[in-house]
């Protein structure tokens, strides 16, 4: 019997799978409703690790604060028009994306 991995172990594994990707390359996933936007004020790896650990309470908090959620059509269009490069990590079947450019605009 194996013991469950800690959030730190999950986070370390996800760190190796995190990279920048163009929004254009994510269109298929967006069309399927599999893209989750993560606010720039959150740590993308923390959010991915909590998703992998199925921490529903944490996600409900982030969603209530509008820090995590679906990508709106207006935002998707804006990212498409500016050919946005986003940070992304996959926690199947979800693709979590973060626009760090948005943080620089504030």
PDB file of N, CA and C in Angstrom:
ATOM      1  N   UNK A   1       0.846  -1.185   0.000  1.00  0.00           N
ATOM      2  CA  UNK A   1       0.000   0.000   0.000  1.00  0.00           C
ATOM      3  C   UNK A   1       0.889   1.245   0.000  1.00  0.00           C
ATOM      4  N   UNK A   2       0.607   2.153  -0.887  1.00  0.00           N
ATOM      5  CA  UNK A   2       1.406   3.376  -0.942  1.00  0.00           C
ATOM      6  C   UNK A   2       0.715   4.476  -0.153  1.00  0.00           C
ATOM      7  N   UNK A   3       1.510   5.347   0.415  1.00  0.00           N
ATOM      8  CA  UNK A   3       0.932   6.466   1.156  1.00  0.00           C
ATOM      9  C   UNK A   3       0.615   7.595   0.195  1.00  0.00           C
ATOM     10  N   UNK A   4      -0.415   8.390   0.518  1.00  0.00           N
ATOM     11  CA  UNK A   4      -0.748   9.513  -0.363  1.00  0.00           C
ATOM     12  C   UNK A   4       0.394  10.523  -0.412  1.00  0.00           C
ATOM     13  N   UNK A   5       0.563  11.107  -1.591  1.00  0.00           N
ATOM     14  CA  UNK A   5       1.630  12.106  -1.730  1.00  0.00           C
ATOM     15  C   UNK A   5       1.224  13.393  -1.026  1.00  0.00           C
ATOM     16  N   UNK A   6       2.208  14.056  -0.454  1.00  0.00           N
ATOM     17  CA  UNK A   6       1.945  15.329   0.204  1.00  0.00           C
ATOM     18  C   UNK A   6       1.743  16.413  -0.859  1.00  0.00           C
ATOM     19  N   UNK A   7       1.150  17.504  -0.434  1.00  0.00           N
ATOM     20  CA  UNK A   7       0.949  18.632  -1.339  1.00  0.00           C
ATOM     21  C   UNK A   7       2.288  19.127  -1.870  1.00  0.00           C
ATOM     22  N   UNK A   8       3.331  19.089  -1.038  1.00  0.00           N
ATOM     23  CA  UNK A   8       4.662  19.522  -1.477  1.00  0.00           C
ATOM     24  C   UNK A   8       5.201  18.615  -2.582  1.00  0.00           C
ATOM     25  N   UNK A   9       4.983  17.307  -2.436  1.00  0.00           N
ATOM     26  CA  UNK A   9       5.430  16.367  -3.472  1.00  0.00           C
ATOM     27  C   UNK A   9       4.670  16.578  -4.770  1.00  0.00           C
ATOM     28  N   UNK A  10       3.375  16.800  -4.649  1.00  0.00           N
ATOM     29  CA  UNK A  10       2.547  17.062  -5.833  1.00  0.00           C
ATOM     30  C   UNK A  10       3.010  18.350  -6.494  1.00  0.00           C
ATOM     31  N   UNK A  11       3.237  19.358  -5.684  1.00  0.00           N
ATOM     32  CA  UNK A  11       3.683  20.665  -6.198  1.00  0.00           C
ATOM     33  C   UNK A  11       5.021  20.548  -6.932  1.00  0.00           C
ATOM     34  N   UNK A  12       5.940  19.783  -6.377  1.00  0.00           N
ATOM     35  CA  UNK A  12       7.246  19.603  -7.010  1.00  0.00           C
ATOM     36  C   UNK A  12       7.097  18.901  -8.363  1.00  0.00           C
ATOM     37  N   UNK A  13       6.249  17.898  -8.422  1.00  0.00           N
ATOM     38  CA  UNK A  13       6.018  17.194  -9.689  1.00  0.00           C
ATOM     39  C   UNK A  13       5.359  18.123 -10.713  1.00  0.00           C
ATOM     40  N   UNK A  14       4.387  18.909 -10.274  1.00  0.00           N
ATOM     41  CA  UNK A  14       3.702  19.830 -11.187  1.00  0.00           C
ATOM     42  C   UNK A  14       4.628  20.933 -11.686  1.00  0.00           C
ATOM     43  N   UNK A  15       5.584  21.337 -10.858  1.00  0.00           N
ATOM     44  CA  UNK A  15       6.535  22.373 -11.257  1.00  0.00           C
ATOM     45  C   UNK A  15       7.287  21.966 -12.524  1.00  0.00           C
ATOM     46  N   UNK A  16       7.577  20.679 -12.635  1.00  0.00           N
ATOM     47  CA  UNK A  16       8.292  20.179 -13.813  1.00  0.00           C
ATOM     48  C   UNK A  16       7.420  20.200 -15.066  1.00  0.00           C
ATOM     49  N   UNK A  17       6.108  20.278 -14.887  1.00  0.00           N
ATOM     50  CA  UNK A  17       5.174  20.236 -16.009  1.00  0.00           C
ATOM     51  C   UNK A  17       4.588  21.604 -16.338  1.00  0.00           C
ATOM     52  N   UNK A  18       5.029  22.637 -15.660  1.00  0.00           N
ATOM     53  CA  UNK A  18       4.518  23.987 -15.875  1.00  0.00           C
ATOM     54  C   UNK A  18       5.341  24.689 -16.944  1.00  0.00           C
ATOM     55  N   UNK A  19       4.652  25.342 -17.877  1.00  0.00           N
ATOM     56  CA  UNK A  19       5.373  26.061 -18.924  1.00  0.00           C
ATOM     57  C   UNK A  19       4.501  27.162 -19.504  1.00  0.00           C
ATOM     58  N   UNK A  20       5.115  27.973 -20.328  1.00  0.00           N
ATOM     59  CA  UNK A  20       4.385  29.018 -21.050  1.00  0.00           C
ATOM     60  C   UNK A  20       3.836  28.418 -22.332  1.00  0.00           C
ATOM     61  N   UNK A  21       2.626  28.866 -22.694  1.00  0.00           N
ATOM     62  CA  UNK A  21       1.979  28.377 -23.911  1.00  0.00           C
ATOM     63  C   UNK A  21       1.122  29.494 -24.480  1.00  0.00           C
ATOM     64  N   UNK A  22       1.025  29.529 -25.784  1.00  0.00           N
ATOM     65  CA  UNK A  22       0.199  30.535 -26.433  1.00  0.00           C
ATOM     66  C   UNK A  22      -1.282  30.200 -26.309  1.00  0.00           C
ATOM     67  N   UNK A  23      -2.096  31.220 -26.098  1.00  0.00           N
ATOM     68  CA  UNK A  23      -3.542  31.019 -25.979  1.00  0.00           C
ATOM     69  C   UNK A  23      -4.111  30.334 -27.219  1.00  0.00           C
ATOM     70  N   UNK A  24      -3.566  30.645 -28.379  1.00  0.00           N
ATOM     71  CA  UNK A  24      -4.043  30.016 -29.621  1.00  0.00           C
ATOM     72  C   UNK A  24      -3.936  28.496 -29.539  1.00  0.00           C
ATOM     73  N   UNK A  25      -2.907  28.003 -28.870  1.00  0.00           N
ATOM     74  CA  UNK A  25      -2.702  26.557 -28.753  1.00  0.00           C
ATOM     75  C   UNK A  25      -3.680  25.898 -27.780  1.00  0.00           C
ATOM     76  N   UNK A  26      -4.387  26.692 -27.005  1.00  0.00           N
ATOM     77  CA  UNK A  26      -5.313  26.155 -26.005  1.00  0.00           C
ATOM     78  C   UNK A  26      -6.775  26.208 -26.454  1.00  0.00           C
ATOM     79  N   UNK A  27      -7.012  26.591 -27.687  1.00  0.00           N
ATOM     80  CA  UNK A  27      -8.381  26.774 -28.159  1.00  0.00           C
ATOM     81  C   UNK A  27      -9.242  25.511 -28.045  1.00  0.00           C
ATOM     82  N   UNK A  28      -8.687  24.365 -28.360  1.00  0.00           N
ATOM     83  CA  UNK A  28      -9.446  23.115 -28.274  1.00  0.00           C
ATOM     84  C   UNK A  28      -9.888  22.851 -26.837  1.00  0.00           C
ATOM     85  N   UNK A  29      -8.989  23.071 -25.893  1.00  0.00           N
ATOM     86  CA  UNK A  29      -9.308  22.845 -24.482  1.00  0.00           C
ATOM     87  C   UNK A  29     -10.335  23.862 -23.987  1.00  0.00           C
ATOM     88  N   UNK A  30     -10.199  25.091 -24.447  1.00  0.00           N
ATOM     89  CA  UNK A  30     -11.162  26.129 -24.083  1.00  0.00           C
ATOM     90  C   UNK A  30     -12.548  25.767 -24.620  1.00  0.00           C
ATOM     91  N   UNK A  31     -12.615  25.312 -25.855  1.00  0.00           N
ATOM     92  CA  UNK A  31     -13.893  24.935 -26.461  1.00  0.00           C
ATOM     93  C   UNK A  31     -14.554  23.790 -25.696  1.00  0.00           C
ATOM     94  N   UNK A  32     -13.757  22.928 -25.107  1.00  0.00           N
ATOM     95  CA  UNK A  32     -14.280  21.798 -24.315  1.00  0.00           C
ATOM     96  C   UNK A  32     -14.641  22.205 -22.883  1.00  0.00           C
ATOM     97  N   UNK A  33     -14.331  23.452 -22.511  1.00  0.00           N
ATOM     98  CA  UNK A  33     -14.614  23.907 -21.154  1.00  0.00           C
ATOM     99  C   UNK A  33     -13.630  23.386 -20.128  1.00  0.00           C
ATOM    100  N   UNK A  34     -12.412  23.083 -20.570  1.00  0.00           N
ATOM    101  CA  UNK A  34     -11.414  22.486 -19.684  1.00  0.00           C
ATOM    102  C   UNK A  34     -10.346  23.463 -19.201  1.00  0.00           C
ATOM    103  N   UNK A  35     -10.483  24.742 -19.539  1.00  0.00           N
ATOM    104  CA  UNK A  35      -9.477  25.724 -19.129  1.00  0.00           C
ATOM    105  C   UNK A  35      -9.977  26.469 -17.894  1.00  0.00           C
ATOM    106  N   UNK A  36      -9.123  26.535 -16.888  1.00  0.00           N
ATOM    107  CA  UNK A  36      -9.428  27.219 -15.637  1.00  0.00           C
ATOM    108  C   UNK A  36      -8.460  28.382 -15.489  1.00  0.00           C
ATOM    109  N   UNK A  37      -9.012  29.563 -15.314  1.00  0.00           N
ATOM    110  CA  UNK A  37      -8.189  30.755 -15.122  1.00  0.00           C
ATOM    111  C   UNK A  37      -7.808  30.887 -13.653  1.00  0.00           C
ATOM    112  N   UNK A  38      -6.543  31.201 -13.414  1.00  0.00           N
ATOM    113  CA  UNK A  38      -6.031  31.425 -12.064  1.00  0.00           C
ATOM    114  C   UNK A  38      -5.550  32.869 -11.993  1.00  0.00           C
ATOM    115  N   UNK A  39      -6.051  33.603 -11.039  1.00  0.00           N
ATOM    116  CA  UNK A  39      -5.687  35.006 -10.859  1.00  0.00           C
ATOM    117  C   UNK A  39      -4.180  35.150 -10.657  1.00  0.00           C
ATOM    118  N   UNK A  40      -3.598  36.228 -11.180  1.00  0.00           N
ATOM    119  CA  UNK A  40      -2.151  36.433 -11.035  1.00  0.00           C
ATOM    120  C   UNK A  40      -1.690  36.581  -9.578  1.00  0.00           C
ATOM    121  N   UNK A  41      -2.600  36.915  -8.671  1.00  0.00           N
ATOM    122  CA  UNK A  41      -2.188  37.069  -7.276  1.00  0.00           C
ATOM    123  C   UNK A  41      -2.021  35.725  -6.557  1.00  0.00           C
ATOM    124  N   UNK A  42      -2.466  34.638  -7.187  1.00  0.00           N
ATOM    125  CA  UNK A  42      -2.306  33.312  -6.603  1.00  0.00           C
ATOM    126  C   UNK A  42      -1.086  32.625  -7.187  1.00  0.00           C
ATOM    127  N   UNK A  43      -0.582  31.645  -6.473  1.00  0.00           N
ATOM    128  CA  UNK A  43       0.528  30.823  -6.938  1.00  0.00           C
ATOM    129  C   UNK A  43      -0.062  29.692  -7.781  1.00  0.00           C
ATOM    130  N   UNK A  44       0.263  29.676  -9.059  1.00  0.00           N
ATOM    131  CA  UNK A  44      -0.285  28.682  -9.985  1.00  0.00           C
ATOM    132  C   UNK A  44      -0.019  27.259  -9.497  1.00  0.00           C
ATOM    133  N   UNK A  45       1.169  26.994  -8.992  1.00  0.00           N
ATOM    134  CA  UNK A  45       1.497  25.651  -8.507  1.00  0.00           C
ATOM    135  C   UNK A  45       0.688  25.266  -7.276  1.00  0.00           C
ATOM    136  N   UNK A  46       0.434  26.223  -6.396  1.00  0.00           N
ATOM    137  CA  UNK A  46      -0.390  25.932  -5.222  1.00  0.00           C
ATOM    138  C   UNK A  46      -1.801  25.554  -5.645  1.00  0.00           C
ATOM    139  N   UNK A  47      -2.355  26.307  -6.590  1.00  0.00           N
ATOM    140  CA  UNK A  47      -3.704  26.024  -7.066  1.00  0.00           C
ATOM    141  C   UNK A  47      -3.750  24.646  -7.725  1.00  0.00           C
ATOM    142  N   UNK A  48      -2.762  24.348  -8.552  1.00  0.00           N
ATOM    143  CA  UNK A  48      -2.711  23.044  -9.217  1.00  0.00           C
ATOM    144  C   UNK A  48      -2.576  21.911  -8.205  1.00  0.00           C
ATOM    145  N   UNK A  49      -1.748  22.097  -7.192  1.00  0.00           N
ATOM    146  CA  UNK A  49      -1.560  21.059  -6.165  1.00  0.00           C
ATOM    147  C   UNK A  49      -2.844  20.836  -5.375  1.00  0.00           C
ATOM    148  N   UNK A  50      -3.537  21.911  -5.059  1.00  0.00           N
ATOM    149  CA  UNK A  50      -4.804  21.775  -4.322  1.00  0.00           C
ATOM    150  C   UNK A  50      -5.868  21.097  -5.188  1.00  0.00           C
ATOM    151  N   UNK A  51      -5.854  21.363  -6.484  1.00  0.00           N
ATOM    152  CA  UNK A  51      -6.778  20.686  -7.397  1.00  0.00           C
ATOM    153  C   UNK A  51      -6.451  19.194  -7.458  1.00  0.00           C
ATOM    154  N   UNK A  52      -5.178  18.882  -7.584  1.00  0.00           N
ATOM    155  CA  UNK A  52      -4.752  17.481  -7.632  1.00  0.00           C
ATOM    156  C   UNK A  52      -5.102  16.755  -6.334  1.00  0.00           C
ATOM    157  N   UNK A  53      -5.065  17.470  -5.203  1.00  0.00           N
ATOM    158  CA  UNK A  53      -5.398  16.889  -3.902  1.00  0.00           C
ATOM    159  C   UNK A  53      -6.907  16.898  -3.639  1.00  0.00           C
ATOM    160  N   UNK A  54      -7.682  17.435  -4.590  1.00  0.00           N
ATOM    161  CA  UNK A  54      -9.144  17.497  -4.493  1.00  0.00           C
ATOM    162  C   UNK A  54      -9.606  18.285  -3.265  1.00  0.00           C
ATOM    163  N   UNK A  55      -8.966  19.432  -3.031  1.00  0.00           N
ATOM    164  CA  UNK A  55      -9.308  20.295  -1.902  1.00  0.00           C
ATOM    165  C   UNK A  55     -10.470  21.214  -2.305  1.00  0.00           C
ATOM    166  N   UNK A  56     -11.674  20.695  -2.198  1.00  0.00           N
ATOM    167  CA  UNK A  56     -12.873  21.427  -2.630  1.00  0.00           C
ATOM    168  C   UNK A  56     -13.094  22.704  -1.821  1.00  0.00           C
ATOM    169  N   UNK A  57     -12.822  22.656  -0.521  1.00  0.00           N
ATOM    170  CA  UNK A  57     -13.037  23.829   0.332  1.00  0.00           C
ATOM    171  C   UNK A  57     -12.174  25.000  -0.133  1.00  0.00           C
ATOM    172  N   UNK A  58     -10.911  24.719  -0.441  1.00  0.00           N
ATOM    173  CA  UNK A  58     -10.000  25.781  -0.901  1.00  0.00           C
ATOM    174  C   UNK A  58     -10.480  26.350  -2.223  1.00  0.00           C
ATOM    175  N   UNK A  59     -10.913  25.467  -3.133  1.00  0.00           N
ATOM    176  CA  UNK A  59     -11.397  25.936  -4.435  1.00  0.00           C
ATOM    177  C   UNK A  59     -12.657  26.774  -4.298  1.00  0.00           C
ATOM    178  N   UNK A  60     -13.543  26.389  -3.401  1.00  0.00           N
ATOM    179  CA  UNK A  60     -14.760  27.181  -3.185  1.00  0.00           C
ATOM    180  C   UNK A  60     -14.415  28.580  -2.702  1.00  0.00           C
ATOM    181  N   UNK A  61     -13.399  28.694  -1.830  1.00  0.00           N
ATOM    182  CA  UNK A  61     -12.951  30.013  -1.357  1.00  0.00           C
ATOM    183  C   UNK A  61     -12.432  30.842  -2.518  1.00  0.00           C
ATOM    184  N   UNK A  62     -11.548  30.253  -3.325  1.00  0.00           N
ATOM    185  CA  UNK A  62     -10.966  30.981  -4.457  1.00  0.00           C
ATOM    186  C   UNK A  62     -12.044  31.379  -5.459  1.00  0.00           C
ATOM    187  N   UNK A  63     -12.982  30.487  -5.703  1.00  0.00           N
ATOM    188  CA  UNK A  63     -14.054  30.788  -6.656  1.00  0.00           C
ATOM    189  C   UNK A  63     -14.952  31.906  -6.124  1.00  0.00           C
ATOM    190  N   UNK A  64     -15.247  31.884  -4.830  1.00  0.00           N
ATOM    191  CA  UNK A  64     -16.072  32.931  -4.227  1.00  0.00           C
ATOM    192  C   UNK A  64     -15.393  34.295  -4.342  1.00  0.00           C
ATOM    193  N   UNK A  65     -14.067  34.296  -4.287  1.00  0.00           N
ATOM    194  CA  UNK A  65     -13.291  35.547  -4.419  1.00  0.00           C
ATOM    195  C   UNK A  65     -12.977  35.886  -5.872  1.00  0.00           C
ATOM    196  N   UNK A  66     -13.468  35.058  -6.782  1.00  0.00           N
ATOM    197  CA  UNK A  66     -13.228  35.205  -8.226  1.00  0.00           C
ATOM    198  C   UNK A  66     -11.737  35.185  -8.560  1.00  0.00           C
ATOM    199  N   UNK A  67     -10.993  34.349  -7.840  1.00  0.00           N
ATOM    200  CA  UNK A  67      -9.566  34.187  -8.091  1.00  0.00           C
ATOM    201  C   UNK A  67      -9.291  32.969  -8.968  1.00  0.00           C
ATOM    202  N   UNK A  68     -10.269  32.084  -9.063  1.00  0.00           N
ATOM    203  CA  UNK A  68     -10.181  30.885  -9.883  1.00  0.00           C
ATOM    204  C   UNK A  68     -11.535  30.696 -10.547  1.00  0.00           C
ATOM    205  N   UNK A  69     -11.524  30.341 -11.830  1.00  0.00           N
ATOM    206  CA  UNK A  69     -12.800  30.099 -12.503  1.00  0.00           C
ATOM    207  C   UNK A  69     -12.634  29.933 -13.987  1.00  0.00           C
ATOM    208  N   UNK A  70     -13.760  29.873 -14.657  1.00  0.00           N
ATOM    209  CA  UNK A  70     -13.728  29.693 -16.102  1.00  0.00           C
ATOM    210  C   UNK A  70     -13.254  30.975 -16.790  1.00  0.00           C
ATOM    211  N   UNK A  71     -12.784  30.818 -17.990  1.00  0.00           N
ATOM    212  CA  UNK A  71     -12.330  31.955 -18.793  1.00  0.00           C
ATOM    213  C   UNK A  71     -13.545  32.512 -19.523  1.00  0.00           C
ATOM    214  N   UNK A  72     -13.833  33.782 -19.296  1.00  0.00           N
ATOM    215  CA  UNK A  72     -14.996  34.399 -19.944  1.00  0.00           C
ATOM    216  C   UNK A  72     -14.736  34.547 -21.447  1.00  0.00           C
ATOM    217  N   UNK A  73     -15.801  34.578 -22.237  1.00  0.00           N
ATOM    218  CA  UNK A  73     -15.618  34.785 -23.679  1.00  0.00           C
ATOM    219  C   UNK A  73     -14.874  36.079 -24.012  1.00  0.00           C
ATOM    220  N   UNK A  74     -15.131  37.158 -23.254  1.00  0.00           N
ATOM    221  CA  UNK A  74     -14.442  38.426 -23.508  1.00  0.00           C
ATOM    222  C   UNK A  74     -12.948  38.318 -23.253  1.00  0.00           C
ATOM    223  N   UNK A  75     -12.591  37.650 -22.160  1.00  0.00           N
ATOM    224  CA  UNK A  75     -11.175  37.464 -21.854  1.00  0.00           C
ATOM    225  C   UNK A  75     -10.520  36.556 -22.887  1.00  0.00           C
ATOM    226  N   UNK A  76     -11.214  35.502 -23.277  1.00  0.00           N
ATOM    227  CA  UNK A  76     -10.680  34.589 -24.293  1.00  0.00           C
ATOM    228  C   UNK A  76     -10.405  35.336 -25.592  1.00  0.00           C
ATOM    229  N   UNK A  77     -11.316  36.219 -25.969  1.00  0.00           N
ATOM    230  CA  UNK A  77     -11.133  37.021 -27.186  1.00  0.00           C
ATOM    231  C   UNK A  77      -9.943  37.962 -27.050  1.00  0.00           C
ATOM    232  N   UNK A  78      -9.814  38.601 -25.883  1.00  0.00           N
ATOM    233  CA  UNK A  78      -8.697  39.528 -25.649  1.00  0.00           C
ATOM    234  C   UNK A  78      -7.374  38.781 -25.715  1.00  0.00           C
ATOM    235  N   UNK A  79      -7.300  37.607 -25.097  1.00  0.00           N
ATOM    236  CA  UNK A  79      -6.085  36.805 -25.151  1.00  0.00           C
ATOM    237  C   UNK A  79      -5.784  36.377 -26.580  1.00  0.00           C
ATOM    238  N   UNK A  80      -6.820  36.024 -27.320  1.00  0.00           N
ATOM    239  CA  UNK A  80      -6.640  35.592 -28.706  1.00  0.00           C
ATOM    240  C   UNK A  80      -6.103  36.760 -29.547  1.00  0.00           C
ATOM    241  N   UNK A  81      -6.717  37.930 -29.383  1.00  0.00           N
ATOM    242  CA  UNK A  81      -6.334  39.107 -30.174  1.00  0.00           C
ATOM    243  C   UNK A  81      -4.899  39.544 -29.909  1.00  0.00           C
ATOM    244  N   UNK A  82      -4.447  39.439 -28.673  1.00  0.00           N
ATOM    245  CA  UNK A  82      -3.074  39.875 -28.359  1.00  0.00           C
ATOM    246  C   UNK A  82      -2.076  38.723 -28.385  1.00  0.00           C
ATOM    247  N   UNK A  83      -2.561  37.545 -28.828  1.00  0.00           N
ATOM    248  CA  UNK A  83      -1.707  36.360 -28.916  1.00  0.00           C
ATOM    249  C   UNK A  83      -0.972  36.133 -27.590  1.00  0.00           C
ATOM    250  N   UNK A  84      -1.768  36.102 -26.523  1.00  0.00           N
ATOM    251  CA  UNK A  84      -1.241  36.007 -25.158  1.00  0.00           C
ATOM    252  C   UNK A  84      -0.421  34.736 -24.949  1.00  0.00           C
ATOM    253  N   UNK A  85       0.655  34.905 -24.217  1.00  0.00           N
ATOM    254  CA  UNK A  85       1.463  33.787 -23.732  1.00  0.00           C
ATOM    255  C   UNK A  85       1.126  33.628 -22.251  1.00  0.00           C
ATOM    256  N   UNK A  86       0.658  32.459 -21.862  1.00  0.00           N
ATOM    257  CA  UNK A  86       0.196  32.218 -20.506  1.00  0.00           C
ATOM    258  C   UNK A  86       1.040  31.130 -19.851  1.00  0.00           C
ATOM    259  N   UNK A  87       1.092  31.159 -18.539  1.00  0.00           N
ATOM    260  CA  UNK A  87       1.669  30.050 -17.795  1.00  0.00           C
ATOM    261  C   UNK A  87       0.578  29.013 -17.663  1.00  0.00           C
ATOM    262  N   UNK A  88       0.921  27.754 -17.846  1.00  0.00           N
ATOM    263  CA  UNK A  88      -0.079  26.697 -17.798  1.00  0.00           C
ATOM    264  C   UNK A  88       0.488  25.439 -17.160  1.00  0.00           C
ATOM    265  N   UNK A  89      -0.430  24.697 -16.543  1.00  0.00           N
ATOM    266  CA  UNK A  89      -0.108  23.384 -15.993  1.00  0.00           C
ATOM    267  C   UNK A  89      -1.364  22.531 -16.127  1.00  0.00           C
ATOM    268  N   UNK A  90      -1.169  21.270 -16.451  1.00  0.00           N
ATOM    269  CA  UNK A  90      -2.294  20.354 -16.637  1.00  0.00           C
ATOM    270  C   UNK A  90      -2.490  19.520 -15.381  1.00  0.00           C
ATOM    271  N   UNK A  91      -3.718  19.530 -14.899  1.00  0.00           N
ATOM    272  CA  UNK A  91      -4.178  18.605 -13.865  1.00  0.00           C
ATOM    273  C   UNK A  91      -5.411  17.973 -14.490  1.00  0.00           C
ATOM    274  N   UNK A  92      -5.167  16.890 -15.227  1.00  0.00           N
ATOM    275  CA  UNK A  92      -6.190  16.287 -16.085  1.00  0.00           C
ATOM    276  C   UNK A  92      -7.527  16.135 -15.366  1.00  0.00           C
ATOM    277  N   UNK A  93      -8.615  16.517 -16.015  1.00  0.00           N
ATOM    278  CA  UNK A  93      -8.718  16.950 -17.411  1.00  0.00           C
ATOM    279  C   UNK A  93      -8.574  18.463 -17.577  1.00  0.00           C
ATOM    280  N   UNK A  94      -8.187  19.161 -16.527  1.00  0.00           N
ATOM    281  CA  UNK A  94      -8.137  20.624 -16.536  1.00  0.00           C
ATOM    282  C   UNK A  94      -6.776  21.156 -16.973  1.00  0.00           C
ATOM    283  N   UNK A  95      -6.826  22.324 -17.617  1.00  0.00           N
ATOM    284  CA  UNK A  95      -5.622  23.086 -17.931  1.00  0.00           C
ATOM    285  C   UNK A  95      -5.750  24.393 -17.161  1.00  0.00           C
ATOM    286  N   UNK A  96      -4.894  24.587 -16.183  1.00  0.00           N
ATOM    287  CA  UNK A  96      -4.906  25.818 -15.406  1.00  0.00           C
ATOM    288  C   UNK A  96      -3.993  26.822 -16.086  1.00  0.00           C
ATOM    289  N   UNK A  97      -4.510  28.043 -16.284  1.00  0.00           N
ATOM    290  CA  UNK A  97      -3.719  29.074 -16.956  1.00  0.00           C
ATOM    291  C   UNK A  97      -3.669  30.333 -16.097  1.00  0.00           C
ATOM    292  N   UNK A  98      -2.569  31.045 -16.261  1.00  0.00           N
ATOM    293  CA  UNK A  98      -2.377  32.289 -15.516  1.00  0.00           C
ATOM    294  C   UNK A  98      -1.728  33.309 -16.438  1.00  0.00           C
ATOM    295  N   UNK A  99      -2.342  34.478 -16.487  1.00  0.00           N
ATOM    296  CA  UNK A  99      -1.815  35.579 -17.296  1.00  0.00           C
ATOM    297  C   UNK A  99      -1.030  36.498 -16.383  1.00  0.00           C
ATOM    298  N   UNK A 100       0.265  36.318 -16.341  1.00  0.00           N
ATOM    299  CA  UNK A 100       1.100  37.156 -15.467  1.00  0.00           C
ATOM    300  C   UNK A 100       1.237  38.559 -16.033  1.00  0.00           C
ATOM    301  N   UNK A 101       0.947  38.733 -17.313  1.00  0.00           N
ATOM    302  CA  UNK A 101       0.953  40.055 -17.941  1.00  0.00           C
ATOM    303  C   UNK A 101      -0.099  40.950 -17.269  1.00  0.00           C
ATOM    304  N   UNK A 102      -1.233  40.363 -16.901  1.00  0.00           N
ATOM    305  CA  UNK A 102      -2.311  41.118 -16.263  1.00  0.00           C
ATOM    306  C   UNK A 102      -1.834  41.715 -14.945  1.00  0.00           C
ATOM    307  N   UNK A 103      -0.990  40.993 -14.217  1.00  0.00           N
ATOM    308  CA  UNK A 103      -0.462  41.475 -12.951  1.00  0.00           C
ATOM    309  C   UNK A 103       0.404  42.721 -13.170  1.00  0.00           C
ATOM    310  N   UNK A 104       1.129  42.757 -14.275  1.00  0.00           N
ATOM    311  CA  UNK A 104       2.002  43.884 -14.569  1.00  0.00           C
ATOM    312  C   UNK A 104       1.204  45.133 -14.941  1.00  0.00           C
ATOM    313  N   UNK A 105      -0.045  44.943 -15.392  1.00  0.00           N
ATOM    314  CA  UNK A 105      -0.851  46.076 -15.810  1.00  0.00           C
ATOM    315  C   UNK A 105      -1.440  46.841 -14.634  1.00  0.00           C
ATOM    316  N   UNK A 106      -1.487  46.217 -13.456  1.00  0.00           N
ATOM    317  CA  UNK A 106      -2.117  46.853 -12.296  1.00  0.00           C
ATOM    318  C   UNK A 106      -1.135  47.707 -11.542  1.00  0.00           C
TER     319      UNK A 106
END
